[in-house]
Amino acid sequence: MVECTIIYYKILWEVNDVDNINAIASKIRKYRKEQNMSQDELSARSGINVSTIKKYEIGYRNPKTEQLIKISAALGVSINEFMDFEISTISDVMSLIMKLDKQTNMKIEGQKDKKGNYVPCSISITFTDEKINDALAIYLSYKEKSGIKKDELNSNDITITHDDLILTLENTKNSFLFSTENIDKN
């Protein structure tokens, strides 16, 4: 099953889909600029010719899976950031949860009713790796605060502007994407 998934993603990446090429191009450019990295530096770090990097960034060419792995490593972001797959079914969600459960020390817990069945609204997911739980807590705060509208800010309570708040929150979110720290699988 896993082998089929990898082959599927590889085929998906290598299809010359204009939207896919443009999405990858903009993400490469975005992450490179967020790292204050030139195209030459990305080329040197990834081992990919600078002219090829330029073609990827303007969407003239779509990187093959192996090239994208080198680029993501050079940028210090997960390759998953470049994968744009849609999650539209319960099966899609469950396959991601099962993959997380298999590859991390994820704990899925819930309360049982009198018949011994789990109560759906009581289900919780946590990880034994506290770094992941800490990151999730920060992400929840990010989600909560990023929904704040300009007219909800009280100038007596806060000294930064709405735009500064959104920029700070975006930087917080991006710090997760640039984290290459390994998770604890024990």
Foldseek 3Di string as FASTA:
>chain_A
DVVVVVVVQQVVQQDLDQVLLQLQLCVLVVLCVVVVHDLVQLCVQLVHDSVVNVCSNVSVDGDGPSSLVSSCVSSQFDSVVSDDDDDDDPVSVVVVVVVCVVQFQKDWDADADPVRHGDVVGIDIDGPFVVVVVLVVLVVVLVVLLPDDQVNDDVVVDPDHNVVSNVVSVVSVVVVRNDPDDTDRD
